[in-house]
Amino acid sequence: MSENVGVSDVRHVLVLPDRDAAEEVVEALGERFAVDEEPRIVRDALAGEDDAEDAQWLVVLRDEEGRLDPGALDALAGEWEGWREEP
């Protein structure tokens, strides 16, 4: 049985309901957490949906040092009716 000791997910993914919310979360991340790298905003169309209204917006940020608190990120996303995806 092998174990992956010391291996960690170095990304956080926040799921938001629309692009405006995603952009506001990116701004808040810079203000509250002083992130080193600009988070990416990615549109995630729901399976089988062609309408842009039926999409989620993801904010993807790197955290190689593991200094960002997952609970605080989840609370931040919650302010915009979003959540943090568990790795």
PDB file of N, CA and C in Angstrom:
ATOM      1  N   MET A   1       0.841  -1.165   0.000  1.00  0.00           N
ATOM      2  CA  MET A   1       0.000   0.000   0.000  1.00  0.00           C
ATOM      3  C   MET A   1       0.897   1.242   0.000  1.00  0.00           C
ATOM      4  N   SER A   2       0.744   2.092  -0.999  1.00  0.00           N
ATOM      5  CA  SER A   2       1.558   3.294  -1.066  1.00  0.00           C
ATOM      6  C   SER A   2       0.739   4.496  -0.616  1.00  0.00           C
ATOM      7  N   GLU A   3       1.441   5.464  -0.085  1.00  0.00           N
ATOM      8  CA  GLU A   3       0.779   6.681   0.358  1.00  0.00           C
ATOM      9  C   GLU A   3       1.421   7.865  -0.344  1.00  0.00           C
ATOM     10  N   ASN A   4       0.629   8.840  -0.667  1.00  0.00           N
ATOM     11  CA  ASN A   4       1.141  10.061  -1.272  1.00  0.00           C
ATOM     12  C   ASN A   4       1.371  11.083  -0.173  1.00  0.00           C
ATOM     13  N   VAL A   5       2.467  10.945   0.510  1.00  0.00           N
ATOM     14  CA  VAL A   5       2.793  11.842   1.601  1.00  0.00           C
ATOM     15  C   VAL A   5       3.351  13.131   1.016  1.00  0.00           C
ATOM     16  N   GLY A   6       2.860  14.264   1.509  1.00  0.00           N
ATOM     17  CA  GLY A   6       3.365  15.546   1.078  1.00  0.00           C
ATOM     18  C   GLY A   6       2.743  16.070  -0.208  1.00  0.00           C
ATOM     19  N   VAL A   7       1.846  15.310  -0.809  1.00  0.00           N
ATOM     20  CA  VAL A   7       1.194  15.760  -2.024  1.00  0.00           C
ATOM     21  C   VAL A   7      -0.104  16.458  -1.638  1.00  0.00           C
ATOM     22  N   SER A   8      -0.289  17.665  -2.143  1.00  0.00           N
ATOM     23  CA  SER A   8      -1.515  18.386  -1.823  1.00  0.00           C
ATOM     24  C   SER A   8      -2.053  19.061  -3.075  1.00  0.00           C
ATOM     25  N   ASP A   9      -3.341  19.297  -3.082  1.00  0.00           N
ATOM     26  CA  ASP A   9      -3.962  20.027  -4.172  1.00  0.00           C
ATOM     27  C   ASP A   9      -3.553  21.486  -4.014  1.00  0.00           C
ATOM     28  N   VAL A  10      -3.051  22.076  -5.065  1.00  0.00           N
ATOM     29  CA  VAL A  10      -2.549  23.441  -4.963  1.00  0.00           C
ATOM     30  C   VAL A  10      -3.509  24.438  -5.596  1.00  0.00           C
ATOM     31  N   ARG A  11      -4.747  24.004  -5.827  1.00  0.00           N
ATOM     32  CA  ARG A  11      -5.747  24.886  -6.418  1.00  0.00           C
ATOM     33  C   ARG A  11      -7.009  24.876  -5.573  1.00  0.00           C
ATOM     34  N   HIS A  12      -7.701  26.001  -5.607  1.00  0.00           N
ATOM     35  CA  HIS A  12      -9.033  26.102  -5.031  1.00  0.00           C
ATOM     36  C   HIS A  12      -9.961  26.497  -6.167  1.00  0.00           C
ATOM     37  N   VAL A  13     -11.156  25.937  -6.174  1.00  0.00           N
ATOM     38  CA  VAL A  13     -12.149  26.275  -7.193  1.00  0.00           C
ATOM     39  C   VAL A  13     -13.397  26.782  -6.479  1.00  0.00           C
ATOM     40  N   LEU A  14     -13.744  28.031  -6.773  1.00  0.00           N
ATOM     41  CA  LEU A  14     -14.954  28.634  -6.225  1.00  0.00           C
ATOM     42  C   LEU A  14     -15.994  28.666  -7.340  1.00  0.00           C
ATOM     43  N   VAL A  15     -17.203  28.210  -7.042  1.00  0.00           N
ATOM     44  CA  VAL A  15     -18.283  28.141  -8.028  1.00  0.00           C
ATOM     45  C   VAL A  15     -19.250  29.281  -7.748  1.00  0.00           C
ATOM     46  N   LEU A  16     -19.488  30.110  -8.779  1.00  0.00           N
ATOM     47  CA  LEU A  16     -20.349  31.278  -8.634  1.00  0.00           C
ATOM     48  C   LEU A  16     -21.480  31.230  -9.651  1.00  0.00           C
ATOM     49  N   PRO A  17     -22.595  31.899  -9.365  1.00  0.00           N
ATOM     50  CA  PRO A  17     -23.766  31.816 -10.232  1.00  0.00           C
ATOM     51  C   PRO A  17     -23.667  32.615 -11.527  1.00  0.00           C
ATOM     52  N   ASP A  18     -22.822  33.664 -11.565  1.00  0.00           N
ATOM     53  CA  ASP A  18     -22.735  34.457 -12.794  1.00  0.00           C
ATOM     54  C   ASP A  18     -21.370  35.137 -12.884  1.00  0.00           C
ATOM     55  N   ARG A  19     -21.101  35.708 -14.046  1.00  0.00           N
ATOM     56  CA  ARG A  19     -19.795  36.328 -14.286  1.00  0.00           C
ATOM     57  C   ARG A  19     -19.553  37.528 -13.362  1.00  0.00           C
ATOM     58  N   ASP A  20     -20.573  38.338 -13.137  1.00  0.00           N
ATOM     59  CA  ASP A  20     -20.409  39.496 -12.255  1.00  0.00           C
ATOM     60  C   ASP A  20     -19.955  39.064 -10.865  1.00  0.00           C
ATOM     61  N   ALA A  21     -20.592  38.020 -10.341  1.00  0.00           N
ATOM     62  CA  ALA A  21     -20.214  37.512  -9.020  1.00  0.00           C
ATOM     63  C   ALA A  21     -18.771  37.015  -9.043  1.00  0.00           C
ATOM     64  N   ALA A  22     -18.383  36.307 -10.101  1.00  0.00           N
ATOM     65  CA  ALA A  22     -17.016  35.794 -10.208  1.00  0.00           C
ATOM     66  C   ALA A  22     -16.008  36.939 -10.219  1.00  0.00           C
ATOM     67  N   GLU A  23     -16.307  37.992 -10.975  1.00  0.00           N
ATOM     68  CA  GLU A  23     -15.395  39.137 -11.032  1.00  0.00           C
ATOM     69  C   GLU A  23     -15.293  39.839  -9.684  1.00  0.00           C
ATOM     70  N   GLU A  24     -16.402  39.949  -8.976  1.00  0.00           N
ATOM     71  CA  GLU A  24     -16.384  40.574  -7.655  1.00  0.00           C
ATOM     72  C   GLU A  24     -15.599  39.725  -6.653  1.00  0.00           C
ATOM     73  N   VAL A  25     -15.718  38.405  -6.761  1.00  0.00           N
ATOM     74  CA  VAL A  25     -14.971  37.512  -5.874  1.00  0.00           C
ATOM     75  C   VAL A  25     -13.474  37.645  -6.136  1.00  0.00           C
ATOM     76  N   VAL A  26     -13.069  37.741  -7.404  1.00  0.00           N
ATOM     77  CA  VAL A  26     -11.651  37.921  -7.721  1.00  0.00           C
ATOM     78  C   VAL A  26     -11.124  39.201  -7.076  1.00  0.00           C
ATOM     79  N   GLU A  27     -11.905  40.264  -7.161  1.00  0.00           N
ATOM     80  CA  GLU A  27     -11.502  41.529  -6.541  1.00  0.00           C
ATOM     81  C   GLU A  27     -11.388  41.373  -5.022  1.00  0.00           C
ATOM     82  N   ALA A  28     -12.364  40.707  -4.414  1.00  0.00           N
ATOM     83  CA  ALA A  28     -12.353  40.500  -2.964  1.00  0.00           C
ATOM     84  C   ALA A  28     -11.186  39.615  -2.538  1.00  0.00           C
ATOM     85  N   LEU A  29     -10.832  38.639  -3.356  1.00  0.00           N
ATOM     86  CA  LEU A  29      -9.690  37.775  -3.036  1.00  0.00           C
ATOM     87  C   LEU A  29      -8.416  38.598  -2.923  1.00  0.00           C
ATOM     88  N   GLY A  30      -8.241  39.524  -3.860  1.00  0.00           N
ATOM     89  CA  GLY A  30      -7.054  40.380  -3.820  1.00  0.00           C
ATOM     90  C   GLY A  30      -7.022  41.264  -2.591  1.00  0.00           C
ATOM     91  N   GLU A  31      -8.181  41.766  -2.197  1.00  0.00           N
ATOM     92  CA  GLU A  31      -8.259  42.663  -1.042  1.00  0.00           C
ATOM     93  C   GLU A  31      -8.117  41.919   0.282  1.00  0.00           C
ATOM     94  N   ARG A  32      -8.776  40.781   0.409  1.00  0.00           N
ATOM     95  CA  ARG A  32      -8.826  40.071   1.701  1.00  0.00           C
ATOM     96  C   ARG A  32      -7.680  39.105   1.921  1.00  0.00           C
ATOM     97  N   PHE A  33      -7.198  38.485   0.836  1.00  0.00           N
ATOM     98  CA  PHE A  33      -6.219  37.414   0.993  1.00  0.00           C
ATOM     99  C   PHE A  33      -4.860  37.732   0.388  1.00  0.00           C
ATOM    100  N   ALA A  34      -4.741  38.852  -0.307  1.00  0.00           N
ATOM    101  CA  ALA A  34      -3.471  39.236  -0.941  1.00  0.00           C
ATOM    102  C   ALA A  34      -2.869  38.063  -1.717  1.00  0.00           C
ATOM    103  N   VAL A  35      -3.667  37.495  -2.628  1.00  0.00           N
ATOM    104  CA  VAL A  35      -3.189  36.363  -3.424  1.00  0.00           C
ATOM    105  C   VAL A  35      -2.042  36.808  -4.325  1.00  0.00           C
ATOM    106  N   ASP A  36      -1.075  35.915  -4.512  1.00  0.00           N
ATOM    107  CA  ASP A  36       0.117  36.229  -5.300  1.00  0.00           C
ATOM    108  C   ASP A  36      -0.168  36.262  -6.798  1.00  0.00           C
ATOM    109  N   GLU A  37      -1.036  35.412  -7.238  1.00  0.00           N
ATOM    110  CA  GLU A  37      -1.315  35.252  -8.666  1.00  0.00           C
ATOM    111  C   GLU A  37      -2.780  35.564  -8.947  1.00  0.00           C
ATOM    112  N   GLU A  38      -3.043  36.252 -10.045  1.00  0.00           N
ATOM    113  CA  GLU A  38      -4.423  36.599 -10.417  1.00  0.00           C
ATOM    114  C   GLU A  38      -5.228  35.312 -10.641  1.00  0.00           C
ATOM    115  N   PRO A  39      -6.333  35.143  -9.926  1.00  0.00           N
ATOM    116  CA  PRO A  39      -7.190  33.975 -10.149  1.00  0.00           C
ATOM    117  C   PRO A  39      -7.774  33.991 -11.563  1.00  0.00           C
ATOM    118  N   ARG A  40      -8.049  32.819 -12.101  1.00  0.00           N
ATOM    119  CA  ARG A  40      -8.654  32.705 -13.433  1.00  0.00           C
ATOM    120  C   ARG A  40     -10.159  32.556 -13.282  1.00  0.00           C
ATOM    121  N   ILE A  41     -10.895  33.170 -14.212  1.00  0.00           N
ATOM    122  CA  ILE A  41     -12.344  33.011 -14.277  1.00  0.00           C
ATOM    123  C   ILE A  41     -12.644  32.114 -15.473  1.00  0.00           C
ATOM    124  N   VAL A  42     -13.424  31.062 -15.229  1.00  0.00           N
ATOM    125  CA  VAL A  42     -13.729  30.081 -16.262  1.00  0.00           C
ATOM    126  C   VAL A  42     -15.235  29.853 -16.297  1.00  0.00           C
ATOM    127  N   ARG A  43     -15.809  29.895 -17.490  1.00  0.00           N
ATOM    128  CA  ARG A  43     -17.235  29.584 -17.646  1.00  0.00           C
ATOM    129  C   ARG A  43     -17.388  28.076 -17.734  1.00  0.00           C
ATOM    130  N   ASP A  44     -18.319  27.536 -16.970  1.00  0.00           N
ATOM    131  CA  ASP A  44     -18.562  26.092 -16.940  1.00  0.00           C
ATOM    132  C   ASP A  44     -20.018  25.843 -17.310  1.00  0.00           C
ATOM    133  N   ALA A  45     -20.263  25.506 -18.577  1.00  0.00           N
ATOM    134  CA  ALA A  45     -21.630  25.239 -19.023  1.00  0.00           C
ATOM    135  C   ALA A  45     -22.119  23.944 -18.394  1.00  0.00           C
ATOM    136  N   LEU A  46     -23.349  23.953 -17.949  1.00  0.00           N
ATOM    137  CA  LEU A  46     -23.930  22.750 -17.367  1.00  0.00           C
ATOM    138  C   LEU A  46     -24.202  21.748 -18.481  1.00  0.00           C
ATOM    139  N   ALA A  47     -24.067  20.494 -18.182  1.00  0.00           N
ATOM    140  CA  ALA A  47     -24.227  19.434 -19.183  1.00  0.00           C
ATOM    141  C   ALA A  47     -25.559  19.557 -19.910  1.00  0.00           C
ATOM    142  N   GLY A  48     -25.499  19.582 -21.229  1.00  0.00           N
ATOM    143  CA  GLY A  48     -26.697  19.610 -22.046  1.00  0.00           C
ATOM    144  C   GLY A  48     -27.321  20.976 -22.200  1.00  0.00           C
ATOM    145  N   GLU A  49     -26.703  22.008 -21.657  1.00  0.00           N
ATOM    146  CA  GLU A  49     -27.274  23.352 -21.725  1.00  0.00           C
ATOM    147  C   GLU A  49     -26.473  24.215 -22.689  1.00  0.00           C
ATOM    148  N   ASP A  50     -27.174  24.880 -23.612  1.00  0.00           N
ATOM    149  CA  ASP A  50     -26.518  25.771 -24.563  1.00  0.00           C
ATOM    150  C   ASP A  50     -26.673  27.233 -24.163  1.00  0.00           C
ATOM    151  N   ASP A  51     -27.610  27.530 -23.311  1.00  0.00           N
ATOM    152  CA  ASP A  51     -27.927  28.897 -22.924  1.00  0.00           C
ATOM    153  C   ASP A  51     -26.896  29.417 -21.924  1.00  0.00           C
ATOM    154  N   ALA A  52     -26.364  30.597 -22.186  1.00  0.00           N
ATOM    155  CA  ALA A  52     -25.366  31.184 -21.292  1.00  0.00           C
ATOM    156  C   ALA A  52     -25.921  31.408 -19.887  1.00  0.00           C
ATOM    157  N   GLU A  53     -27.229  31.557 -19.780  1.00  0.00           N
ATOM    158  CA  GLU A  53     -27.833  31.744 -18.458  1.00  0.00           C
ATOM    159  C   GLU A  53     -27.715  30.484 -17.611  1.00  0.00           C
ATOM    160  N   ASP A  54     -27.536  29.342 -18.259  1.00  0.00           N
ATOM    161  CA  ASP A  54     -27.445  28.073 -17.546  1.00  0.00           C
ATOM    162  C   ASP A  54     -25.995  27.652 -17.356  1.00  0.00           C
ATOM    163  N   ALA A  55     -25.160  28.592 -16.996  1.00  0.00           N
ATOM    164  CA  ALA A  55     -23.748  28.301 -16.782  1.00  0.00           C
ATOM    165  C   ALA A  55     -23.354  28.709 -15.382  1.00  0.00           C
ATOM    166  N   GLN A  56     -22.342  28.029 -14.874  1.00  0.00           N
ATOM    167  CA  GLN A  56     -21.728  28.435 -13.620  1.00  0.00           C
ATOM    168  C   GLN A  56     -20.404  29.088 -13.984  1.00  0.00           C
ATOM    169  N   TRP A  57     -19.926  29.921 -13.132  1.00  0.00           N
ATOM    170  CA  TRP A  57     -18.639  30.569 -13.340  1.00  0.00           C
ATOM    171  C   TRP A  57     -17.704  30.122 -12.236  1.00  0.00           C
ATOM    172  N   LEU A  58     -16.521  29.710 -12.625  1.00  0.00           N
ATOM    173  CA  LEU A  58     -15.537  29.202 -11.684  1.00  0.00           C
ATOM    174  C   LEU A  58     -14.419  30.221 -11.513  1.00  0.00           C
ATOM    175  N   VAL A  59     -13.983  30.382 -10.291  1.00  0.00           N
ATOM    176  CA  VAL A  59     -12.785  31.158  -9.999  1.00  0.00           C
ATOM    177  C   VAL A  59     -11.753  30.149  -9.520  1.00  0.00           C
ATOM    178  N   VAL A  60     -10.673  30.035 -10.272  1.00  0.00           N
ATOM    179  CA  VAL A  60      -9.628  29.055  -9.968  1.00  0.00           C
ATOM    180  C   VAL A  60      -8.397  29.806  -9.489  1.00  0.00           C
ATOM    181  N   LEU A  61      -7.928  29.458  -8.296  1.00  0.00           N
ATOM    182  CA  LEU A  61      -6.734  30.114  -7.788  1.00  0.00           C
ATOM    183  C   LEU A  61      -5.747  29.102  -7.258  1.00  0.00           C
ATOM    184  N   ARG A  62      -4.494  29.412  -7.487  1.00  0.00           N
ATOM    185  CA  ARG A  62      -3.406  28.540  -7.037  1.00  0.00           C
ATOM    186  C   ARG A  62      -3.040  28.887  -5.599  1.00  0.00           C
ATOM    187  N   ASP A  63      -2.671  27.845  -4.861  1.00  0.00           N
ATOM    188  CA  ASP A  63      -2.293  28.022  -3.451  1.00  0.00           C
ATOM    189  C   ASP A  63      -1.221  26.991  -3.127  1.00  0.00           C
ATOM    190  N   GLU A  64      -0.093  27.108  -3.805  1.00  0.00           N
ATOM    191  CA  GLU A  64       0.965  26.106  -3.655  1.00  0.00           C
ATOM    192  C   GLU A  64       1.497  26.007  -2.237  1.00  0.00           C
ATOM    193  N   GLU A  65       1.475  27.105  -1.508  1.00  0.00           N
ATOM    194  CA  GLU A  65       1.991  27.092  -0.137  1.00  0.00           C
ATOM    195  C   GLU A  65       0.934  26.654   0.870  1.00  0.00           C
ATOM    196  N   GLY A  66      -0.311  26.483   0.427  1.00  0.00           N
ATOM    197  CA  GLY A  66      -1.373  26.045   1.313  1.00  0.00           C
ATOM    198  C   GLY A  66      -1.710  27.043   2.399  1.00  0.00           C
ATOM    199  N   ARG A  67      -1.586  28.331   2.093  1.00  0.00           N
ATOM    200  CA  ARG A  67      -1.812  29.353   3.125  1.00  0.00           C
ATOM    201  C   ARG A  67      -3.242  29.869   3.166  1.00  0.00           C
ATOM    202  N   LEU A  68      -4.064  29.540   2.167  1.00  0.00           N
ATOM    203  CA  LEU A  68      -5.445  30.017   2.146  1.00  0.00           C
ATOM    204  C   LEU A  68      -6.349  29.058   2.908  1.00  0.00           C
ATOM    205  N   ASP A  69      -7.170  29.605   3.775  1.00  0.00           N
ATOM    206  CA  ASP A  69      -8.070  28.801   4.599  1.00  0.00           C
ATOM    207  C   ASP A  69      -9.294  28.389   3.779  1.00  0.00           C
ATOM    208  N   PRO A  70      -9.497  27.083   3.571  1.00  0.00           N
ATOM    209  CA  PRO A  70     -10.646  26.628   2.785  1.00  0.00           C
ATOM    210  C   PRO A  70     -11.978  27.126   3.332  1.00  0.00           C
ATOM    211  N   GLY A  71     -12.139  27.169   4.631  1.00  0.00           N
ATOM    212  CA  GLY A  71     -13.383  27.646   5.228  1.00  0.00           C
ATOM    213  C   GLY A  71     -13.641  29.111   4.924  1.00  0.00           C
ATOM    214  N   ALA A  72     -12.583  29.909   4.976  1.00  0.00           N
ATOM    215  CA  ALA A  72     -12.721  31.338   4.669  1.00  0.00           C
ATOM    216  C   ALA A  72     -13.065  31.537   3.195  1.00  0.00           C
ATOM    217  N   LEU A  73     -12.484  30.711   2.319  1.00  0.00           N
ATOM    218  CA  LEU A  73     -12.804  30.805   0.885  1.00  0.00           C
ATOM    219  C   LEU A  73     -14.251  30.401   0.633  1.00  0.00           C
ATOM    220  N   ASP A  74     -14.718  29.370   1.320  1.00  0.00           N
ATOM    221  CA  ASP A  74     -16.109  28.938   1.169  1.00  0.00           C
ATOM    222  C   ASP A  74     -17.057  30.041   1.645  1.00  0.00           C
ATOM    223  N   ALA A  75     -16.712  30.679   2.758  1.00  0.00           N
ATOM    224  CA  ALA A  75     -17.540  31.776   3.278  1.00  0.00           C
ATOM    225  C   ALA A  75     -17.558  32.952   2.307  1.00  0.00           C
ATOM    226  N   LEU A  76     -16.409  33.254   1.716  1.00  0.00           N
ATOM    227  CA  LEU A  76     -16.331  34.330   0.730  1.00  0.00           C
ATOM    228  C   LEU A  76     -17.232  34.025  -0.461  1.00  0.00           C
ATOM    229  N   ALA A  77     -17.138  32.832  -1.013  1.00  0.00           N
ATOM    230  CA  ALA A  77     -17.986  32.455  -2.147  1.00  0.00           C
ATOM    231  C   ALA A  77     -19.460  32.512  -1.752  1.00  0.00           C
ATOM    232  N   GLY A  78     -19.766  32.124  -0.525  1.00  0.00           N
ATOM    233  CA  GLY A  78     -21.143  32.146  -0.034  1.00  0.00           C
ATOM    234  C   GLY A  78     -21.752  33.533  -0.015  1.00  0.00           C
ATOM    235  N   GLU A  79     -20.918  34.555   0.130  1.00  0.00           N
ATOM    236  CA  GLU A  79     -21.421  35.932   0.101  1.00  0.00           C
ATOM    237  C   GLU A  79     -22.037  36.268  -1.261  1.00  0.00           C
ATOM    238  N   TRP A  80     -21.650  35.530  -2.295  1.00  0.00           N
ATOM    239  CA  TRP A  80     -22.191  35.725  -3.646  1.00  0.00           C
ATOM    240  C   TRP A  80     -23.007  34.508  -4.094  1.00  0.00           C
ATOM    241  N   GLU A  81     -23.565  33.771  -3.137  1.00  0.00           N
ATOM    242  CA  GLU A  81     -24.384  32.589  -3.397  1.00  0.00           C
ATOM    243  C   GLU A  81     -23.615  31.495  -4.134  1.00  0.00           C
ATOM    244  N   GLY A  82     -22.344  31.366  -3.804  1.00  0.00           N
ATOM    245  CA  GLY A  82     -21.498  30.336  -4.397  1.00  0.00           C
ATOM    246  C   GLY A  82     -20.945  29.422  -3.328  1.00  0.00           C
ATOM    247  N   TRP A  83     -19.984  28.611  -3.711  1.00  0.00           N
ATOM    248  CA  TRP A  83     -19.344  27.681  -2.782  1.00  0.00           C
ATOM    249  C   TRP A  83     -17.971  27.302  -3.296  1.00  0.00           C
ATOM    250  N   ARG A  84     -17.181  26.662  -2.432  1.00  0.00           N
ATOM    251  CA  ARG A  84     -15.860  26.143  -2.795  1.00  0.00           C
ATOM    252  C   ARG A  84     -16.003  24.655  -3.044  1.00  0.00           C
ATOM    253  N   GLU A  85     -15.505  24.228  -4.195  1.00  0.00           N
ATOM    254  CA  GLU A  85     -15.530  22.801  -4.514  1.00  0.00           C
ATOM    255  C   GLU A  85     -14.508  22.086  -3.659  1.00  0.00           C
ATOM    256  N   GLU A  86     -14.872  20.963  -3.112  1.00  0.00           N
ATOM    257  CA  GLU A  86     -13.923  20.139  -2.377  1.00  0.00           C
ATOM    258  C   GLU A  86     -13.031  19.418  -3.389  1.00  0.00           C
ATOM    259  N   PRO A  87     -11.722  19.337  -3.108  1.00  0.00           N
ATOM    260  CA  PRO A  87     -10.806  18.656  -4.056  1.00  0.00           C
ATOM    261  C   PRO A  87     -11.115  17.174  -4.156  1.00  0.00           C
TER     262      PRO A  87
END
